[in-house]
N, C-alpha and C. Protein backbone atom coordinates (compact mmCIF):
# COMPACT_ATOMS: atom_id res chain seq x y z
N UNK A 1 0.84 -1.18 0.00
CA UNK A 1 0.00 0.00 0.00
C UNK A 1 0.89 1.24 0.00
N UNK A 2 0.61 2.17 -0.93
CA UNK A 2 1.43 3.39 -1.02
C UNK A 2 1.19 4.28 0.18
N UNK A 3 2.24 4.91 0.65
CA UNK A 3 2.07 5.87 1.74
C UNK A 3 1.44 7.14 1.21
N UNK A 4 0.79 7.86 2.09
CA UNK A 4 0.12 9.10 1.69
C UNK A 4 1.16 10.11 1.23
N UNK A 5 0.84 10.87 0.19
CA UNK A 5 1.79 11.87 -0.30
C UNK A 5 2.05 12.93 0.76
N UNK A 6 3.28 13.42 0.78
CA UNK A 6 3.60 14.47 1.74
C UNK A 6 2.97 15.78 1.30
N UNK A 7 2.53 16.54 2.27
CA UNK A 7 1.88 17.83 2.00
C UNK A 7 2.67 18.91 2.70
N UNK A 8 3.05 19.93 1.97
CA UNK A 8 3.73 21.06 2.59
C UNK A 8 2.68 21.98 3.21
N UNK A 9 2.60 21.99 4.51
CA UNK A 9 1.63 22.82 5.21
C UNK A 9 2.35 23.66 6.25
N UNK A 10 1.86 24.87 6.45
CA UNK A 10 2.44 25.77 7.43
C UNK A 10 1.44 25.97 8.56
N UNK A 11 1.87 25.77 9.77
CA UNK A 11 1.00 25.92 10.93
C UNK A 11 1.58 26.98 11.86
N UNK A 12 0.70 27.68 12.55
CA UNK A 12 1.17 28.64 13.55
C UNK A 12 1.73 27.88 14.74
N UNK A 13 2.88 28.28 15.20
CA UNK A 13 3.46 27.71 16.40
C UNK A 13 2.87 28.44 17.59
N UNK A 14 1.77 27.88 18.11
CA UNK A 14 1.04 28.59 19.17
C UNK A 14 1.85 28.68 20.46
N UNK A 15 2.88 27.82 20.58
CA UNK A 15 3.69 27.88 21.80
C UNK A 15 4.52 29.15 21.86
N UNK A 16 4.85 29.72 20.71
CA UNK A 16 5.71 30.89 20.71
C UNK A 16 4.98 32.16 20.29
N UNK A 17 3.68 32.06 20.03
CA UNK A 17 2.91 33.21 19.58
C UNK A 17 1.68 33.42 20.47
N UNK A 18 1.30 34.66 20.62
CA UNK A 18 0.09 35.00 21.33
C UNK A 18 -0.96 35.39 20.30
N UNK A 19 -2.08 34.67 20.28
CA UNK A 19 -3.12 34.87 19.29
C UNK A 19 -4.26 35.66 19.93
N UNK A 20 -4.64 36.77 19.30
CA UNK A 20 -5.63 37.67 19.87
C UNK A 20 -6.67 38.03 18.81
N UNK A 21 -7.93 37.94 19.18
CA UNK A 21 -9.03 38.33 18.29
C UNK A 21 -9.43 39.76 18.61
N UNK A 22 -9.43 40.61 17.57
CA UNK A 22 -9.90 41.98 17.73
C UNK A 22 -10.90 42.30 16.62
N UNK A 23 -11.80 43.20 16.92
CA UNK A 23 -12.77 43.65 15.93
C UNK A 23 -12.26 44.91 15.24
N UNK A 24 -12.59 45.05 13.98
CA UNK A 24 -12.45 46.31 13.27
C UNK A 24 -13.87 46.75 12.98
N UNK A 25 -14.32 47.77 13.69
CA UNK A 25 -15.72 48.17 13.65
C UNK A 25 -15.87 49.60 13.15
N UNK A 26 -17.10 49.97 12.91
CA UNK A 26 -17.38 51.32 12.44
C UNK A 26 -18.60 51.32 11.56
N UNK A 27 -19.13 52.48 11.26
CA UNK A 27 -20.33 52.57 10.45
C UNK A 27 -20.09 52.19 8.99
N UNK A 28 -21.16 52.07 8.28
CA UNK A 28 -21.16 51.76 6.85
C UNK A 28 -20.26 52.73 6.08
N UNK A 29 -19.37 52.18 5.24
CA UNK A 29 -18.58 53.01 4.34
C UNK A 29 -17.42 53.75 4.97
N UNK A 30 -16.98 53.32 6.16
CA UNK A 30 -15.94 54.08 6.86
C UNK A 30 -14.52 53.62 6.51
N UNK A 31 -14.37 52.45 5.86
CA UNK A 31 -13.05 52.00 5.45
C UNK A 31 -12.55 50.73 6.12
N UNK A 32 -13.43 49.96 6.73
CA UNK A 32 -13.01 48.74 7.43
C UNK A 32 -12.39 47.72 6.49
N UNK A 33 -13.05 47.49 5.36
CA UNK A 33 -12.54 46.53 4.37
C UNK A 33 -11.18 46.99 3.83
N UNK A 34 -11.06 48.27 3.56
CA UNK A 34 -9.80 48.82 3.07
C UNK A 34 -8.69 48.64 4.09
N UNK A 35 -8.97 48.91 5.36
CA UNK A 35 -7.96 48.78 6.41
C UNK A 35 -7.48 47.35 6.54
N UNK A 36 -8.40 46.40 6.59
CA UNK A 36 -8.00 45.00 6.74
C UNK A 36 -7.22 44.55 5.51
N UNK A 37 -7.64 44.99 4.34
CA UNK A 37 -6.90 44.65 3.12
C UNK A 37 -5.49 45.18 3.14
N UNK A 38 -5.30 46.38 3.68
CA UNK A 38 -3.97 46.98 3.74
C UNK A 38 -3.09 46.34 4.80
N UNK A 39 -3.71 45.86 5.88
CA UNK A 39 -2.94 45.34 7.02
C UNK A 39 -2.61 43.86 6.94
N UNK A 40 -3.48 43.08 6.35
CA UNK A 40 -3.35 41.63 6.48
C UNK A 40 -2.11 41.11 5.77
N UNK A 41 -1.37 40.27 6.50
CA UNK A 41 -0.17 39.65 5.93
C UNK A 41 -0.52 38.38 5.16
N UNK A 42 -1.76 37.94 5.26
CA UNK A 42 -2.28 36.85 4.44
C UNK A 42 -3.32 37.44 3.50
N UNK A 43 -3.71 36.68 2.49
CA UNK A 43 -4.77 37.16 1.61
C UNK A 43 -6.03 37.33 2.43
N UNK A 44 -6.59 38.54 2.52
CA UNK A 44 -7.75 38.74 3.39
C UNK A 44 -9.00 38.09 2.81
N UNK A 45 -9.89 37.71 3.71
CA UNK A 45 -11.21 37.22 3.32
C UNK A 45 -12.17 38.39 3.32
N UNK A 46 -12.84 38.60 2.22
CA UNK A 46 -13.84 39.65 2.12
C UNK A 46 -15.17 39.04 1.70
N UNK A 47 -16.25 39.56 2.23
CA UNK A 47 -17.59 39.14 1.79
C UNK A 47 -18.31 40.37 1.26
N UNK A 48 -17.74 40.92 0.20
CA UNK A 48 -18.28 42.12 -0.42
C UNK A 48 -19.29 41.73 -1.50
N UNK A 49 -20.39 42.44 -1.53
CA UNK A 49 -21.39 42.24 -2.57
C UNK A 49 -21.74 43.59 -3.19
N UNK A 50 -22.11 43.56 -4.44
CA UNK A 50 -22.51 44.78 -5.13
C UNK A 50 -23.80 45.31 -4.53
N UNK A 51 -23.83 46.60 -4.25
CA UNK A 51 -25.04 47.21 -3.71
C UNK A 51 -26.09 47.31 -4.81
N UNK A 52 -27.34 47.11 -4.42
CA UNK A 52 -28.44 47.14 -5.36
C UNK A 52 -29.37 48.31 -5.06
N UNK A 53 -30.31 48.52 -5.93
CA UNK A 53 -31.30 49.57 -5.71
C UNK A 53 -32.11 49.30 -4.45
N UNK A 54 -32.35 48.02 -4.17
CA UNK A 54 -33.09 47.67 -2.95
C UNK A 54 -32.33 48.12 -1.71
N UNK A 55 -30.99 47.99 -1.75
CA UNK A 55 -30.17 48.39 -0.61
C UNK A 55 -30.17 49.89 -0.38
N UNK A 56 -30.41 50.64 -1.44
CA UNK A 56 -30.40 52.10 -1.31
C UNK A 56 -31.49 52.58 -0.35
N UNK A 57 -32.52 51.77 -0.18
CA UNK A 57 -33.61 52.17 0.72
C UNK A 57 -33.23 52.00 2.19
N UNK A 58 -32.20 51.19 2.48
CA UNK A 58 -31.84 50.95 3.87
C UNK A 58 -30.43 51.44 4.22
N UNK A 59 -29.59 51.68 3.23
CA UNK A 59 -28.23 52.16 3.48
C UNK A 59 -28.11 53.62 3.06
N UNK A 60 -27.81 54.48 4.04
CA UNK A 60 -27.67 55.90 3.77
C UNK A 60 -26.35 56.15 3.04
N UNK A 61 -26.44 56.60 1.79
CA UNK A 61 -25.24 56.83 0.99
C UNK A 61 -24.72 58.26 1.09
N UNK A 62 -25.31 59.05 1.98
CA UNK A 62 -24.84 60.42 2.16
C UNK A 62 -23.38 60.40 2.59
N UNK A 63 -22.53 61.07 1.82
CA UNK A 63 -21.11 61.14 2.13
C UNK A 63 -20.30 59.99 1.57
N UNK A 64 -20.97 58.97 1.01
CA UNK A 64 -20.25 57.82 0.43
C UNK A 64 -20.86 57.48 -0.93
N UNK A 65 -21.13 58.50 -1.72
CA UNK A 65 -21.81 58.31 -3.00
C UNK A 65 -21.07 57.41 -3.97
N UNK A 66 -19.75 57.33 -3.87
CA UNK A 66 -18.97 56.51 -4.80
C UNK A 66 -18.92 55.04 -4.41
N UNK A 67 -19.50 54.70 -3.26
CA UNK A 67 -19.44 53.31 -2.78
C UNK A 67 -20.43 52.46 -3.56
N UNK A 68 -19.96 51.31 -4.10
CA UNK A 68 -20.86 50.45 -4.86
C UNK A 68 -20.87 49.00 -4.37
N UNK A 69 -20.12 48.70 -3.28
CA UNK A 69 -20.16 47.38 -2.66
C UNK A 69 -20.32 47.55 -1.15
N UNK A 70 -20.75 46.49 -0.49
CA UNK A 70 -20.88 46.52 0.96
C UNK A 70 -20.56 45.14 1.53
N UNK A 71 -20.03 45.11 2.76
CA UNK A 71 -19.74 43.86 3.44
C UNK A 71 -21.04 43.26 3.97
N UNK A 72 -21.28 41.98 3.65
CA UNK A 72 -22.53 41.35 4.07
C UNK A 72 -22.32 40.30 5.16
N UNK A 73 -21.09 40.01 5.52
CA UNK A 73 -20.82 39.08 6.61
C UNK A 73 -19.61 39.61 7.40
N UNK A 74 -18.40 39.24 6.98
CA UNK A 74 -17.21 39.71 7.68
C UNK A 74 -16.09 39.98 6.68
N UNK A 75 -15.12 40.74 7.16
CA UNK A 75 -13.79 40.78 6.57
C UNK A 75 -12.88 40.10 7.59
N UNK A 76 -11.87 39.41 7.10
CA UNK A 76 -10.96 38.74 8.03
C UNK A 76 -9.54 38.85 7.52
N UNK A 77 -8.63 39.19 8.42
CA UNK A 77 -7.21 39.23 8.09
C UNK A 77 -6.39 38.91 9.32
N UNK A 78 -5.08 38.81 9.12
CA UNK A 78 -4.17 38.49 10.22
C UNK A 78 -2.95 39.39 10.13
N UNK A 79 -2.53 39.90 11.27
CA UNK A 79 -1.34 40.74 11.30
C UNK A 79 -0.50 40.39 12.52
N UNK A 80 0.79 40.17 12.29
CA UNK A 80 1.71 39.89 13.39
C UNK A 80 2.41 41.18 13.78
N UNK A 81 2.36 41.48 15.08
CA UNK A 81 3.05 42.63 15.64
C UNK A 81 4.32 42.15 16.33
N UNK A 82 5.19 43.08 16.75
CA UNK A 82 6.41 42.66 17.47
C UNK A 82 6.10 41.75 18.66
N UNK A 83 7.07 40.95 19.05
CA UNK A 83 6.98 40.00 20.16
C UNK A 83 6.00 38.87 19.85
N UNK A 84 5.86 38.52 18.55
CA UNK A 84 5.04 37.39 18.13
C UNK A 84 3.59 37.50 18.62
N UNK A 85 3.07 38.71 18.60
CA UNK A 85 1.67 38.93 18.91
C UNK A 85 0.89 38.91 17.60
N UNK A 86 0.02 37.92 17.43
CA UNK A 86 -0.73 37.74 16.19
C UNK A 86 -2.16 38.21 16.41
N UNK A 87 -2.55 39.22 15.64
CA UNK A 87 -3.91 39.75 15.75
C UNK A 87 -4.76 39.17 14.63
N UNK A 88 -5.87 38.54 15.00
CA UNK A 88 -6.87 38.12 14.03
C UNK A 88 -7.88 39.25 13.94
N UNK A 89 -7.99 39.83 12.76
CA UNK A 89 -8.81 41.03 12.55
C UNK A 89 -10.15 40.64 11.94
N UNK A 90 -11.22 40.89 12.66
CA UNK A 90 -12.56 40.59 12.19
C UNK A 90 -13.29 41.90 11.90
N UNK A 91 -13.50 42.19 10.63
CA UNK A 91 -14.25 43.38 10.25
C UNK A 91 -15.74 43.09 10.27
N UNK A 92 -16.49 43.95 10.91
CA UNK A 92 -17.92 43.73 11.09
C UNK A 92 -18.74 44.69 10.23
N UNK A 93 -19.89 44.24 9.72
CA UNK A 93 -20.75 45.15 8.97
C UNK A 93 -21.18 46.33 9.84
N UNK A 94 -21.37 47.49 9.22
CA UNK A 94 -21.69 48.68 9.98
C UNK A 94 -23.17 49.03 10.05
N UNK A 95 -24.03 48.25 9.37
CA UNK A 95 -25.45 48.59 9.34
C UNK A 95 -26.21 47.92 10.48
N UNK A 96 -27.25 48.60 10.97
CA UNK A 96 -28.05 48.12 12.09
C UNK A 96 -28.62 46.72 11.84
N UNK A 97 -29.01 46.44 10.59
CA UNK A 97 -29.67 45.16 10.32
C UNK A 97 -28.74 43.97 10.53
N UNK A 98 -27.43 44.22 10.64
CA UNK A 98 -26.47 43.14 10.88
C UNK A 98 -26.10 43.00 12.35
N UNK A 99 -26.85 43.63 13.25
CA UNK A 99 -26.49 43.59 14.67
C UNK A 99 -26.41 42.17 15.23
N UNK A 100 -27.34 41.24 14.92
CA UNK A 100 -27.19 39.87 15.43
C UNK A 100 -25.88 39.22 14.97
N UNK A 101 -25.49 39.46 13.73
CA UNK A 101 -24.22 38.94 13.23
C UNK A 101 -23.06 39.58 13.98
N UNK A 102 -23.14 40.90 14.22
CA UNK A 102 -22.10 41.60 14.96
C UNK A 102 -21.93 40.99 16.35
N UNK A 103 -23.04 40.67 17.00
CA UNK A 103 -22.97 40.09 18.35
C UNK A 103 -22.27 38.74 18.33
N UNK A 104 -22.53 37.94 17.29
CA UNK A 104 -21.86 36.64 17.17
C UNK A 104 -20.36 36.82 16.93
N UNK A 105 -20.02 37.72 16.01
CA UNK A 105 -18.60 37.92 15.68
C UNK A 105 -17.83 38.46 16.87
N UNK A 106 -18.47 39.27 17.71
CA UNK A 106 -17.76 39.92 18.81
C UNK A 106 -17.40 38.96 19.95
N UNK A 107 -18.01 37.78 19.99
CA UNK A 107 -17.70 36.85 21.07
C UNK A 107 -16.23 36.43 21.02
N UNK A 108 -15.57 36.54 22.15
CA UNK A 108 -14.18 36.15 22.25
C UNK A 108 -13.18 37.23 21.87
N UNK A 109 -13.68 38.37 21.40
CA UNK A 109 -12.77 39.47 21.06
C UNK A 109 -12.28 40.15 22.33
N UNK A 110 -11.03 40.58 22.31
CA UNK A 110 -10.48 41.27 23.48
C UNK A 110 -10.63 42.78 23.38
N UNK A 111 -10.94 43.28 22.19
CA UNK A 111 -11.10 44.72 22.03
C UNK A 111 -11.48 45.04 20.60
N UNK A 112 -11.65 46.33 20.33
CA UNK A 112 -12.08 46.77 19.01
C UNK A 112 -11.34 48.04 18.60
N UNK A 113 -11.02 48.09 17.32
CA UNK A 113 -10.53 49.31 16.70
C UNK A 113 -11.72 49.89 15.93
N UNK A 114 -12.16 51.08 16.33
CA UNK A 114 -13.35 51.69 15.74
C UNK A 114 -12.92 52.78 14.78
N UNK A 115 -13.25 52.60 13.50
CA UNK A 115 -12.98 53.62 12.50
C UNK A 115 -14.11 54.63 12.48
N UNK A 116 -13.76 55.91 12.41
CA UNK A 116 -14.77 56.97 12.29
C UNK A 116 -14.39 57.88 11.12
N UNK A 117 -15.42 58.54 10.60
CA UNK A 117 -15.30 59.46 9.47
C UNK A 117 -15.81 60.81 9.95
N UNK A 118 -14.95 61.83 9.96
CA UNK A 118 -15.37 63.14 10.49
C UNK A 118 -16.43 63.81 9.64
N UNK A 119 -16.69 63.32 8.43
CA UNK A 119 -17.78 63.85 7.63
C UNK A 119 -19.13 63.35 8.14
N UNK A 120 -19.11 62.23 8.91
CA UNK A 120 -20.35 61.59 9.35
C UNK A 120 -20.16 61.08 10.78
N UNK A 121 -19.75 61.94 11.69
CA UNK A 121 -19.46 61.49 13.05
C UNK A 121 -20.66 60.86 13.73
N UNK A 122 -21.85 61.38 13.46
CA UNK A 122 -23.05 60.85 14.10
C UNK A 122 -23.30 59.39 13.80
N UNK A 123 -22.80 58.92 12.66
CA UNK A 123 -22.98 57.51 12.29
C UNK A 123 -22.20 56.57 13.20
N UNK A 124 -21.24 57.11 13.93
CA UNK A 124 -20.39 56.27 14.79
C UNK A 124 -21.04 55.96 16.14
N UNK A 125 -22.02 56.75 16.53
CA UNK A 125 -22.56 56.61 17.89
C UNK A 125 -23.12 55.22 18.16
N UNK A 126 -23.89 54.69 17.23
CA UNK A 126 -24.52 53.38 17.46
C UNK A 126 -23.47 52.27 17.60
N UNK A 127 -22.43 52.32 16.77
CA UNK A 127 -21.37 51.31 16.84
C UNK A 127 -20.64 51.39 18.17
N UNK A 128 -20.29 52.60 18.59
CA UNK A 128 -19.60 52.78 19.88
C UNK A 128 -20.50 52.29 21.02
N UNK A 129 -21.79 52.58 20.94
CA UNK A 129 -22.72 52.12 21.97
C UNK A 129 -22.72 50.59 22.06
N UNK A 130 -22.75 49.90 20.91
CA UNK A 130 -22.76 48.44 20.91
C UNK A 130 -21.49 47.88 21.54
N UNK A 131 -20.37 48.50 21.24
CA UNK A 131 -19.10 48.03 21.78
C UNK A 131 -19.04 48.25 23.29
N UNK A 132 -19.51 49.40 23.74
CA UNK A 132 -19.54 49.67 25.18
C UNK A 132 -20.50 48.73 25.89
N UNK A 133 -21.66 48.45 25.28
CA UNK A 133 -22.62 47.52 25.88
C UNK A 133 -22.03 46.12 25.99
N UNK A 134 -21.17 45.74 25.04
CA UNK A 134 -20.52 44.43 25.08
C UNK A 134 -19.36 44.39 26.06
N UNK A 135 -18.99 45.56 26.63
CA UNK A 135 -17.90 45.63 27.60
C UNK A 135 -16.52 45.50 26.99
N UNK A 136 -16.41 45.82 25.68
CA UNK A 136 -15.11 45.71 25.01
C UNK A 136 -14.34 47.02 25.10
N UNK A 137 -13.08 46.96 25.52
CA UNK A 137 -12.25 48.16 25.41
C UNK A 137 -12.00 48.46 23.94
N UNK A 138 -11.79 49.74 23.61
CA UNK A 138 -11.62 50.09 22.20
C UNK A 138 -10.74 51.32 22.05
N UNK A 139 -10.25 51.46 20.82
CA UNK A 139 -9.52 52.67 20.42
C UNK A 139 -10.24 53.23 19.20
N UNK A 140 -10.17 54.56 19.05
CA UNK A 140 -10.79 55.24 17.91
C UNK A 140 -9.70 55.60 16.90
N UNK A 141 -9.93 55.21 15.64
CA UNK A 141 -9.04 55.59 14.54
C UNK A 141 -9.82 56.45 13.57
N UNK A 142 -9.42 57.69 13.43
CA UNK A 142 -10.10 58.61 12.51
C UNK A 142 -9.53 58.41 11.12
N UNK A 143 -10.34 57.84 10.22
CA UNK A 143 -9.89 57.59 8.86
C UNK A 143 -9.81 58.94 8.14
N UNK A 144 -8.64 59.28 7.66
CA UNK A 144 -8.39 60.61 7.12
C UNK A 144 -8.72 60.68 5.63
N UNK A 145 -10.02 60.72 5.34
CA UNK A 145 -10.45 60.91 3.96
C UNK A 145 -9.98 62.28 3.46
N UNK A 146 -9.69 62.35 2.16
CA UNK A 146 -9.12 63.57 1.60
C UNK A 146 -10.01 64.79 1.79
N UNK A 147 -11.34 64.60 1.73
CA UNK A 147 -12.25 65.74 1.82
C UNK A 147 -12.90 65.88 3.19
N UNK A 148 -12.36 65.17 4.19
CA UNK A 148 -12.96 65.20 5.53
C UNK A 148 -12.47 66.39 6.33
N UNK A 149 -13.34 67.00 7.14
CA UNK A 149 -12.88 68.09 8.00
C UNK A 149 -11.91 67.59 9.06
N UNK A 150 -11.01 68.46 9.46
CA UNK A 150 -9.99 68.11 10.44
C UNK A 150 -10.31 68.82 11.75
N UNK A 151 -10.64 68.05 12.78
CA UNK A 151 -10.99 68.62 14.08
C UNK A 151 -9.87 68.39 15.08
N UNK A 152 -9.77 69.29 16.03
CA UNK A 152 -8.82 69.11 17.13
C UNK A 152 -9.23 67.89 17.96
N UNK A 153 -8.25 67.16 18.50
CA UNK A 153 -8.57 65.96 19.28
C UNK A 153 -9.56 66.22 20.42
N UNK A 154 -9.43 67.34 21.12
CA UNK A 154 -10.36 67.61 22.22
C UNK A 154 -11.78 67.78 21.73
N UNK A 155 -11.95 68.37 20.54
CA UNK A 155 -13.28 68.54 19.96
C UNK A 155 -13.86 67.17 19.61
N UNK A 156 -13.04 66.31 19.00
CA UNK A 156 -13.51 64.97 18.65
C UNK A 156 -13.86 64.16 19.90
N UNK A 157 -13.02 64.26 20.91
CA UNK A 157 -13.30 63.52 22.15
C UNK A 157 -14.63 63.95 22.75
N UNK A 158 -14.86 65.24 22.74
CA UNK A 158 -16.11 65.76 23.30
C UNK A 158 -17.30 65.31 22.45
N UNK A 159 -17.17 65.40 21.14
CA UNK A 159 -18.29 65.04 20.26
C UNK A 159 -18.61 63.55 20.35
N UNK A 160 -17.58 62.70 20.47
CA UNK A 160 -17.79 61.26 20.55
C UNK A 160 -17.99 60.78 21.98
N UNK A 161 -17.90 61.69 22.95
CA UNK A 161 -18.09 61.38 24.36
C UNK A 161 -17.15 60.27 24.82
N UNK A 162 -15.86 60.44 24.52
CA UNK A 162 -14.88 59.42 24.84
C UNK A 162 -14.36 59.57 26.27
N UNK A 163 -14.08 58.43 26.88
CA UNK A 163 -13.42 58.45 28.18
C UNK A 163 -12.01 59.00 28.01
N UNK A 164 -11.46 59.63 29.05
CA UNK A 164 -10.13 60.24 28.92
C UNK A 164 -9.04 59.28 28.48
N UNK A 165 -9.16 57.98 28.83
CA UNK A 165 -8.09 57.04 28.50
C UNK A 165 -8.31 56.31 27.18
N UNK A 166 -9.41 56.61 26.47
CA UNK A 166 -9.66 55.96 25.18
C UNK A 166 -8.72 56.53 24.13
N UNK A 167 -7.88 55.66 23.51
CA UNK A 167 -6.95 56.18 22.49
C UNK A 167 -7.71 56.77 21.30
N UNK A 168 -7.18 57.87 20.79
CA UNK A 168 -7.73 58.53 19.60
C UNK A 168 -6.56 58.81 18.68
N UNK A 169 -6.58 58.21 17.48
CA UNK A 169 -5.45 58.32 16.57
C UNK A 169 -5.95 58.54 15.15
N UNK A 170 -5.21 59.35 14.39
CA UNK A 170 -5.51 59.53 12.98
C UNK A 170 -4.96 58.33 12.21
N UNK A 171 -5.68 57.91 11.17
CA UNK A 171 -5.29 56.72 10.44
C UNK A 171 -5.73 56.83 8.98
N UNK A 172 -4.82 56.54 8.08
CA UNK A 172 -5.18 56.41 6.66
C UNK A 172 -5.36 54.92 6.41
N UNK A 173 -6.60 54.48 6.20
CA UNK A 173 -6.90 53.05 6.07
C UNK A 173 -6.18 52.40 4.90
N UNK A 174 -5.71 53.19 3.96
CA UNK A 174 -5.01 52.64 2.79
C UNK A 174 -3.54 52.35 3.07
N UNK A 175 -3.01 52.90 4.15
CA UNK A 175 -1.58 52.87 4.43
C UNK A 175 -1.27 51.86 5.54
N UNK A 176 -0.57 50.77 5.21
CA UNK A 176 -0.28 49.75 6.23
C UNK A 176 0.43 50.30 7.47
N UNK A 177 1.39 51.20 7.29
CA UNK A 177 2.12 51.74 8.44
C UNK A 177 1.18 52.50 9.37
N UNK A 178 0.29 53.27 8.79
CA UNK A 178 -0.69 54.01 9.58
C UNK A 178 -1.63 53.06 10.31
N UNK A 179 -2.05 52.01 9.61
CA UNK A 179 -2.92 51.01 10.24
C UNK A 179 -2.24 50.28 11.38
N UNK A 180 -0.96 49.96 11.21
CA UNK A 180 -0.22 49.30 12.29
C UNK A 180 -0.13 50.20 13.51
N UNK A 181 0.08 51.48 13.31
CA UNK A 181 0.11 52.43 14.43
C UNK A 181 -1.21 52.40 15.19
N UNK A 182 -2.31 52.31 14.45
CA UNK A 182 -3.63 52.26 15.10
C UNK A 182 -3.78 50.96 15.89
N UNK A 183 -3.32 49.84 15.33
CA UNK A 183 -3.39 48.57 16.05
C UNK A 183 -2.53 48.60 17.31
N UNK A 184 -1.35 49.19 17.21
CA UNK A 184 -0.48 49.28 18.39
C UNK A 184 -1.13 50.12 19.48
N UNK A 185 -1.82 51.21 19.08
CA UNK A 185 -2.53 52.03 20.07
C UNK A 185 -3.60 51.21 20.78
N UNK A 186 -4.32 50.37 20.01
CA UNK A 186 -5.34 49.51 20.62
C UNK A 186 -4.71 48.50 21.56
N UNK A 187 -3.66 47.80 21.11
CA UNK A 187 -3.03 46.77 21.94
C UNK A 187 -2.45 47.38 23.22
N UNK A 188 -1.83 48.54 23.12
CA UNK A 188 -1.31 49.21 24.31
C UNK A 188 -2.43 49.52 25.29
N UNK A 189 -3.58 49.94 24.75
CA UNK A 189 -4.75 50.22 25.60
C UNK A 189 -5.24 48.95 26.28
N UNK A 190 -5.28 47.83 25.54
CA UNK A 190 -5.72 46.57 26.11
C UNK A 190 -4.78 46.11 27.22
N UNK A 191 -3.49 46.27 26.99
CA UNK A 191 -2.52 45.88 28.02
C UNK A 191 -2.66 46.75 29.26
N UNK A 192 -2.84 48.05 29.04
CA UNK A 192 -3.01 48.96 30.17
C UNK A 192 -4.23 48.60 31.00
N UNK A 193 -5.29 48.15 30.30
CA UNK A 193 -6.54 47.81 30.99
C UNK A 193 -6.63 46.34 31.35
N UNK A 194 -5.49 45.62 31.21
CA UNK A 194 -5.39 44.21 31.63
C UNK A 194 -6.31 43.29 30.85
N UNK A 195 -6.83 43.71 29.71
CA UNK A 195 -7.72 42.85 28.94
C UNK A 195 -6.98 41.67 28.34
N UNK A 196 -5.63 41.75 28.24
CA UNK A 196 -4.89 40.68 27.60
C UNK A 196 -4.11 39.83 28.62
N UNK A 197 -4.32 40.08 29.91
CA UNK A 197 -3.54 39.36 30.90
C UNK A 197 -3.67 37.85 30.75
N UNK A 198 -4.88 37.36 30.51
CA UNK A 198 -5.09 35.92 30.43
C UNK A 198 -4.58 35.34 29.11
N UNK A 199 -4.39 36.21 28.11
CA UNK A 199 -3.94 35.74 26.81
C UNK A 199 -2.42 35.63 26.72
N UNK A 200 -1.75 36.39 27.56
CA UNK A 200 -0.27 36.43 27.45
C UNK A 200 0.38 35.61 28.56
């Protein structure tokens, strides 16, 4: 009987790496898919579908008129940070109708990176409320769209009603270096708040 053919497979060495699940959250059209695509060191998983006329009745396209696809389940990517810290990035849909899915995806997450758009700050309130209700620590990353207004950090903190220790960082979702800085701000916040003690 012939022996089974050898298969070249690569596995994570969990003994030397710390694996952490984090959410990438934010309202519809804020850049979550773009951020995960820019950050992931593996080919990211996207569940993008073309928007239809039917969707126009439920998705507010104000400020995102050029958007023609939307995430209908999750985006997923992986990024390794220094000290063998591996972040599994789960991008969640930003529309209210996906809240049950969001609740399922959020289970087991240690924290969230919340993208906001200063052209539509009010759209962020519901997402931040869901994250706070779930008891997840989070950091805010302001996606720096070219035509977005630029507010002073204190003004943004006041408008978003952020706690004094909640990280607030500018981020270009298209730029991997900028995205890594945002992830590091989140991880530092999680460590400060002991959310990762059991994981490390």
